N, C-alpha and C. Protein backbone atom coordinates (compact mmCIF):
# COMPACT_ATOMS: atom_id res chain seq x y z
N UNK A 1 -15.31 -19.42 -6.97
CA UNK A 1 -14.82 -18.89 -6.39
C UNK A 1 -14.89 -17.32 -6.95
N UNK A 2 -14.93 -16.37 -5.76
CA UNK A 2 -14.77 -14.90 -6.15
C UNK A 2 -13.71 -14.54 -6.69
N UNK A 3 -13.63 -13.48 -7.59
CA UNK A 3 -12.87 -13.00 -8.35
C UNK A 3 -11.89 -11.94 -7.21
N UNK A 4 -10.95 -11.78 -7.05
CA UNK A 4 -9.95 -11.06 -6.11
C UNK A 4 -9.82 -9.98 -6.40
N UNK A 5 -10.17 -9.36 -7.63
CA UNK A 5 -9.99 -8.19 -8.17
C UNK A 5 -11.06 -7.20 -7.88
N UNK A 6 -11.06 -6.22 -8.12
CA UNK A 6 -12.22 -5.12 -8.25
C UNK A 6 -12.74 -5.08 -9.31
N UNK A 7 -14.09 -5.16 -9.70
CA UNK A 7 -14.92 -5.32 -10.51
C UNK A 7 -14.36 -3.92 -11.56
N UNK A 8 -14.42 -4.43 -12.97
CA UNK A 8 -14.20 -3.40 -13.88
C UNK A 8 -15.26 -2.85 -14.40
N UNK A 9 -15.07 -1.60 -15.12
CA UNK A 9 -16.01 -0.70 -15.51
C UNK A 9 -16.94 -0.39 -14.30
N UNK A 10 -16.45 -0.08 -13.18
CA UNK A 10 -17.61 0.16 -12.25
C UNK A 10 -16.53 1.25 -11.28
N UNK A 11 -17.30 2.39 -11.20
CA UNK A 11 -16.69 3.55 -10.32
C UNK A 11 -16.45 2.93 -8.73
N UNK A 12 -15.49 3.17 -8.05
CA UNK A 12 -15.22 2.98 -6.96
C UNK A 12 -14.02 4.05 -6.17
N UNK A 13 -14.49 4.01 -4.96
CA UNK A 13 -13.50 5.16 -3.81
C UNK A 13 -12.75 4.16 -3.07
N UNK A 14 -11.28 4.51 -3.14
CA UNK A 14 -10.52 3.49 -2.10
C UNK A 14 -10.92 3.71 -0.78
N UNK A 15 -11.29 5.03 -0.36
CA UNK A 15 -11.41 5.22 1.19
C UNK A 15 -12.87 4.20 1.60
N UNK A 16 -13.71 3.97 0.43
CA UNK A 16 -15.01 3.25 0.88
C UNK A 16 -14.72 1.96 0.28
N UNK A 17 -13.62 1.47 -0.07
CA UNK A 17 -13.48 0.10 -0.35
C UNK A 17 -12.84 -0.80 0.55
N UNK A 18 -12.39 -0.23 1.40
CA UNK A 18 -11.83 -1.15 2.59
C UNK A 18 -12.02 -0.45 3.94
N UNK A 19 -12.11 -1.10 4.95
CA UNK A 19 -12.31 -1.03 6.50
C UNK A 19 -11.43 -1.34 7.19
N UNK A 20 -11.20 -0.38 8.27
CA UNK A 20 -10.10 -0.86 9.30
C UNK A 20 -10.51 -1.98 10.14
N UNK A 21 -9.42 -2.58 10.62
CA UNK A 21 -9.68 -3.90 11.60
C UNK A 21 -8.90 -3.63 12.65
N UNK A 22 -9.18 -3.38 14.01
CA UNK A 22 -8.34 -2.88 15.00
C UNK A 22 -7.44 -3.98 15.42
N UNK A 23 -6.19 -3.63 15.44
CA UNK A 23 -4.88 -4.30 15.59
C UNK A 23 -4.62 -5.25 14.50
N UNK A 24 -4.81 -4.81 13.19
CA UNK A 24 -4.60 -5.58 12.10
C UNK A 24 -4.29 -4.80 10.94
N UNK A 25 -3.83 -5.62 9.95
CA UNK A 25 -3.52 -4.78 8.38
C UNK A 25 -4.58 -5.66 7.60
N UNK A 26 -5.45 -4.76 6.91
CA UNK A 26 -6.43 -5.67 6.08
C UNK A 26 -6.05 -5.34 4.56
N UNK A 27 -5.96 -6.12 3.65
CA UNK A 27 -5.69 -5.63 2.31
C UNK A 27 -6.73 -6.44 1.13
N UNK A 28 -6.60 -5.60 -0.05
CA UNK A 28 -7.49 -5.98 -0.84
C UNK A 28 -6.94 -6.13 -2.38
N UNK A 29 -7.12 -6.92 -3.20
CA UNK A 29 -6.25 -6.65 -4.64
C UNK A 29 -7.12 -6.12 -5.58
N UNK A 30 -6.53 -4.85 -5.96
CA UNK A 30 -7.44 -4.00 -6.87
C UNK A 30 -6.85 -4.52 -8.40
N UNK A 31 -6.00 -4.74 -8.69
CA UNK A 31 -5.57 -5.41 -10.04
C UNK A 31 -4.43 -6.42 -10.10
N UNK A 32 -4.55 -7.93 -10.41
CA UNK A 32 -3.09 -8.42 -10.23
C UNK A 32 -3.17 -9.03 -11.76
N UNK A 33 -1.46 -8.42 -12.43
CA UNK A 33 -1.08 -8.87 -13.64
C UNK A 33 0.10 -9.50 -13.61
N UNK A 34 0.46 -10.14 -14.54
CA UNK A 34 2.05 -10.66 -14.73
C UNK A 34 3.03 -9.68 -14.70
N UNK A 35 2.41 -8.29 -15.17
CA UNK A 35 3.27 -7.32 -15.14
C UNK A 35 3.37 -6.45 -13.97
N UNK A 36 2.62 -6.62 -12.97
CA UNK A 36 2.69 -5.86 -11.41
C UNK A 36 1.09 -6.02 -10.94
N UNK A 37 1.01 -5.30 -9.64
CA UNK A 37 -0.36 -5.57 -9.26
C UNK A 37 -0.43 -4.27 -8.56
N UNK A 38 -1.72 -3.99 -8.03
CA UNK A 38 -2.33 -2.81 -7.33
C UNK A 38 -2.95 -3.50 -6.12
N UNK A 39 -2.68 -3.02 -4.86
CA UNK A 39 -3.14 -3.45 -3.81
C UNK A 39 -3.64 -2.11 -3.00
N UNK A 40 -4.78 -2.55 -2.13
CA UNK A 40 -5.31 -1.61 -1.41
C UNK A 40 -5.14 -1.97 0.11
N UNK A 41 -4.60 -1.16 1.37
CA UNK A 41 -4.15 -1.56 2.53
C UNK A 41 -5.02 -0.64 3.50
N UNK A 42 -5.23 -1.14 4.60
CA UNK A 42 -5.74 -0.31 5.94
C UNK A 42 -5.06 -0.77 6.94
N UNK A 43 -4.30 0.06 7.53
CA UNK A 43 -3.36 -0.48 8.98
C UNK A 43 -3.96 0.27 10.06
N UNK A 44 -4.09 -0.57 11.12
CA UNK A 44 -4.75 0.08 12.48
C UNK A 44 -3.63 0.82 12.78
N UNK A 45 -3.54 1.64 13.64
CA UNK A 45 -2.39 2.34 14.47
C UNK A 45 -1.49 1.37 15.11
N UNK A 46 -0.19 1.89 14.68
CA UNK A 46 0.90 1.03 15.19
C UNK A 46 1.18 -0.07 14.41
N UNK A 47 0.41 -0.56 13.64
CA UNK A 47 0.61 -1.98 12.71
C UNK A 47 1.69 -1.47 11.89
N UNK A 48 2.63 -2.76 11.15
CA UNK A 48 3.60 -2.37 10.59
C UNK A 48 3.82 -3.42 9.31
N UNK A 49 4.48 -3.02 8.28
CA UNK A 49 5.18 -3.95 7.48
C UNK A 49 6.80 -3.89 7.71
N UNK A 50 7.50 -5.10 8.11
CA UNK A 50 8.49 -5.26 8.41
C UNK A 50 9.60 -4.89 7.16
N UNK A 51 10.85 -4.35 7.47
CA UNK A 51 11.76 -3.94 6.59
C UNK A 51 11.94 -5.19 5.37
N UNK A 52 11.93 -5.26 4.29
CA UNK A 52 12.17 -5.96 3.09
C UNK A 52 12.30 -5.23 2.24
N UNK A 53 12.65 -6.18 0.96
CA UNK A 53 13.16 -5.66 -0.41
C UNK A 53 12.10 -6.29 -1.11
N UNK A 54 12.11 -5.30 -2.53
CA UNK A 54 11.57 -5.96 -3.67
C UNK A 54 12.09 -5.70 -5.07
N UNK A 55 12.24 -7.02 -5.90
CA UNK A 55 12.86 -6.58 -7.09
C UNK A 55 12.74 -5.54 -8.09
N UNK A 56 11.28 -4.99 -7.78
CA UNK A 56 10.89 -4.03 -8.68
C UNK A 56 10.39 -2.63 -7.86
N UNK A 57 10.39 -1.55 -8.57
CA UNK A 57 10.05 -0.36 -8.03
C UNK A 57 8.27 -0.56 -7.72
N UNK A 58 8.06 0.18 -6.47
CA UNK A 58 6.90 0.27 -6.04
C UNK A 58 6.45 1.74 -5.45
N UNK A 59 5.37 1.81 -5.70
CA UNK A 59 4.62 3.37 -5.47
C UNK A 59 3.65 2.91 -4.42
N UNK A 60 3.62 3.86 -3.52
CA UNK A 60 2.49 4.11 -2.35
C UNK A 60 2.28 5.45 -2.33
N UNK A 61 0.74 5.45 -2.56
CA UNK A 61 -0.34 6.52 -2.34
C UNK A 61 -1.27 6.28 -1.09
N UNK A 62 -1.17 7.49 -0.17
CA UNK A 62 -1.77 7.27 1.17
C UNK A 62 -3.18 8.00 0.84
N UNK A 63 -4.17 7.41 1.11
CA UNK A 63 -5.58 7.90 0.76
C UNK A 63 -6.36 8.65 1.96
N UNK A 64 -5.98 8.10 3.03
CA UNK A 64 -6.30 8.15 4.55
C UNK A 64 -5.34 8.30 5.66
N UNK A 65 -5.43 9.06 6.58
CA UNK A 65 -4.60 8.89 7.51
C UNK A 65 -3.07 9.17 7.29
N UNK A 66 -2.13 9.00 8.38
CA UNK A 66 -0.98 9.01 8.24
C UNK A 66 -0.01 7.83 8.45
N UNK A 67 1.22 7.70 7.67
CA UNK A 67 1.73 6.51 7.54
C UNK A 67 3.47 6.85 7.58
N UNK A 68 4.51 6.14 8.07
CA UNK A 68 5.85 6.35 7.87
C UNK A 68 6.17 5.11 7.00
N UNK A 69 7.07 5.65 5.85
CA UNK A 69 7.69 4.86 5.10
C UNK A 69 8.96 5.21 5.33
N UNK A 70 9.84 3.99 5.45
CA UNK A 70 11.14 4.07 5.73
C UNK A 70 11.85 3.48 4.35
N UNK A 71 12.74 4.02 3.63
CA UNK A 71 13.40 3.63 2.61
C UNK A 71 14.85 3.94 2.52
N UNK A 72 15.54 2.42 2.66
CA UNK A 72 16.86 2.95 2.70
C UNK A 72 17.50 3.55 4.02
N UNK A 73 16.70 3.06 4.92
CA UNK A 73 17.12 3.85 6.30
C UNK A 73 16.74 5.43 6.32
N UNK A 74 16.04 5.77 5.57
CA UNK A 74 15.46 7.45 5.68
C UNK A 74 14.00 7.01 5.79
N UNK A 75 13.35 8.20 6.75
CA UNK A 75 11.73 7.97 7.20
C UNK A 75 11.37 9.14 6.43
N UNK A 76 10.30 8.83 6.23
CA UNK A 76 9.36 9.73 5.32
C UNK A 76 8.16 9.66 5.95
N UNK A 77 7.26 10.88 6.11
CA UNK A 77 5.83 10.66 7.02
C UNK A 77 4.98 11.36 5.72
N UNK A 78 4.11 10.27 5.18
CA UNK A 78 3.31 10.52 4.31
C UNK A 78 1.50 10.68 4.96
N UNK A 79 0.99 11.67 4.53
CA UNK A 79 -0.34 11.74 4.88
C UNK A 79 -1.18 11.93 3.79
N UNK A 80 -2.32 11.68 4.01
CA UNK A 80 -3.61 11.22 2.67
C UNK A 80 -3.40 12.70 1.46
N UNK A 81 -3.07 11.92 0.40
CA UNK A 81 -2.79 12.80 -1.01
C UNK A 81 -1.59 12.90 -1.35
N UNK A 82 -0.66 12.32 -0.39
CA UNK A 82 1.05 12.12 -0.65
C UNK A 82 1.31 10.71 -1.40
N UNK A 83 2.43 10.93 -2.10
CA UNK A 83 2.69 9.72 -2.69
C UNK A 83 4.22 9.57 -2.82
N UNK A 84 4.81 8.04 -2.54
CA UNK A 84 6.13 8.19 -2.85
C UNK A 84 6.57 6.93 -3.64
N UNK A 85 7.76 6.90 -4.27
CA UNK A 85 8.14 5.78 -4.98
C UNK A 85 9.31 4.80 -4.44
N UNK A 86 9.09 3.55 -3.87
CA UNK A 86 10.14 2.92 -3.36
C UNK A 86 10.70 2.11 -4.36
N UNK A 87 12.27 2.68 -4.60
CA UNK A 87 13.05 1.90 -5.59
C UNK A 87 13.36 0.53 -5.53
N UNK A 88 13.29 -0.22 -6.51
CA UNK A 88 13.79 -1.89 -6.60
C UNK A 88 14.71 -2.07 -5.52
N UNK A 89 14.90 -3.12 -5.03
CA UNK A 89 16.19 -3.69 -4.52
C UNK A 89 16.60 -2.73 -3.14
N UNK A 90 16.00 -1.81 -2.83
CA UNK A 90 16.10 -0.81 -1.44
C UNK A 90 15.41 -1.21 -0.46
N UNK A 91 16.01 -1.57 0.77
CA UNK A 91 14.77 -2.17 2.03
C UNK A 91 14.29 -0.83 2.45
N UNK A 92 12.72 -1.42 2.73
CA UNK A 92 11.70 -0.46 3.09
C UNK A 92 11.02 -1.16 4.08
N UNK A 93 10.21 -0.26 4.75
CA UNK A 93 9.15 -0.64 5.66
C UNK A 93 7.95 0.33 5.54
N UNK A 94 6.93 -0.08 6.08
CA UNK A 94 5.55 0.90 6.46
C UNK A 94 5.15 0.53 7.98
N UNK A 95 4.85 1.83 8.48
CA UNK A 95 4.51 1.81 9.71
C UNK A 95 3.31 2.95 9.87
N UNK A 96 2.16 2.48 10.81
CA UNK A 96 0.81 3.26 10.68
C UNK A 96 1.40 4.02 12.00
N UNK A 97 1.77 5.49 11.82
CA UNK A 97 1.69 6.29 12.51
C UNK A 97 0.23 6.58 13.25
N UNK A 98 -0.66 6.59 12.45
CA UNK A 98 -1.85 6.70 12.93
C UNK A 98 -2.53 5.83 11.92
N UNK A 99 -3.76 5.24 12.16
CA UNK A 99 -4.37 4.27 11.34
C UNK A 99 -4.39 4.91 9.71
N UNK A 100 -4.13 4.46 8.79
CA UNK A 100 -4.17 4.89 7.55
C UNK A 100 -4.25 3.83 6.31
N UNK A 101 -4.94 4.20 5.42
CA UNK A 101 -5.09 3.54 4.06
C UNK A 101 -4.09 3.95 3.11
N UNK A 102 -3.69 2.83 2.24
CA UNK A 102 -2.72 3.10 1.04
C UNK A 102 -2.75 2.20 0.04
N UNK A 103 -2.68 2.85 -1.30
CA UNK A 103 -2.69 1.98 -2.53
C UNK A 103 -1.38 1.86 -2.88
N UNK A 104 -0.95 0.55 -3.03
CA UNK A 104 0.60 0.16 -3.36
C UNK A 104 0.41 -0.48 -4.96
N UNK A 105 1.17 0.34 -5.68
CA UNK A 105 1.50 -0.30 -7.31
C UNK A 105 2.72 -0.68 -7.52
N UNK A 106 2.85 -1.87 -7.94
CA UNK A 106 4.05 -2.50 -8.04
C UNK A 106 4.06 -2.95 -9.75
N UNK A 107 5.16 -2.43 -10.28
CA UNK A 107 5.30 -2.66 -11.56
C UNK A 107 6.54 -3.34 -11.76
N UNK A 108 6.40 -4.60 -12.39
CA UNK A 108 7.89 -5.65 -12.76
C UNK A 108 8.23 -5.22 -13.74
N UNK A 109 9.71 -5.31 -14.02
CA UNK A 109 10.49 -5.11 -15.06
C UNK A 109 11.43 -6.22 -15.45
N UNK A 110 11.57 -6.53 -16.49
CA UNK A 110 12.20 -7.47 -17.37
C UNK A 110 13.64 -7.63 -16.61
C-alpha cells in the first residue's frame, strides 16, 4: 500500500502537488500524526465543506484562488497568501468563491 503522506526530505510546492477536479473537492494528506495532521485541498468553484465543528484549533492557509471561511457565523474572504485560525468547538464552513487550494493544519490538544 502506498504511503498516504508526502515524501519526507523532498522539496515540494503545494500548488503543484494537487490538481483541481471540476465539480469536486480533492484532498491529499501531507502529514498525519496522533497529535494532528496537515492536509492539502483543491476546491472547484462553488464546492463547499458544510458547517461543522472540531474539538481542536485548525489553521487554513490559502495557496491559490479565493475561498470564503465562515467561523461562528462570520464570513471571511481569503485569497492566496492569507491564513486564518478556526478556534476549537466553534462552527465553521468552507466555500469556494472561485476555485482555490488550501492547506489545513489541525493540532490536537489534551
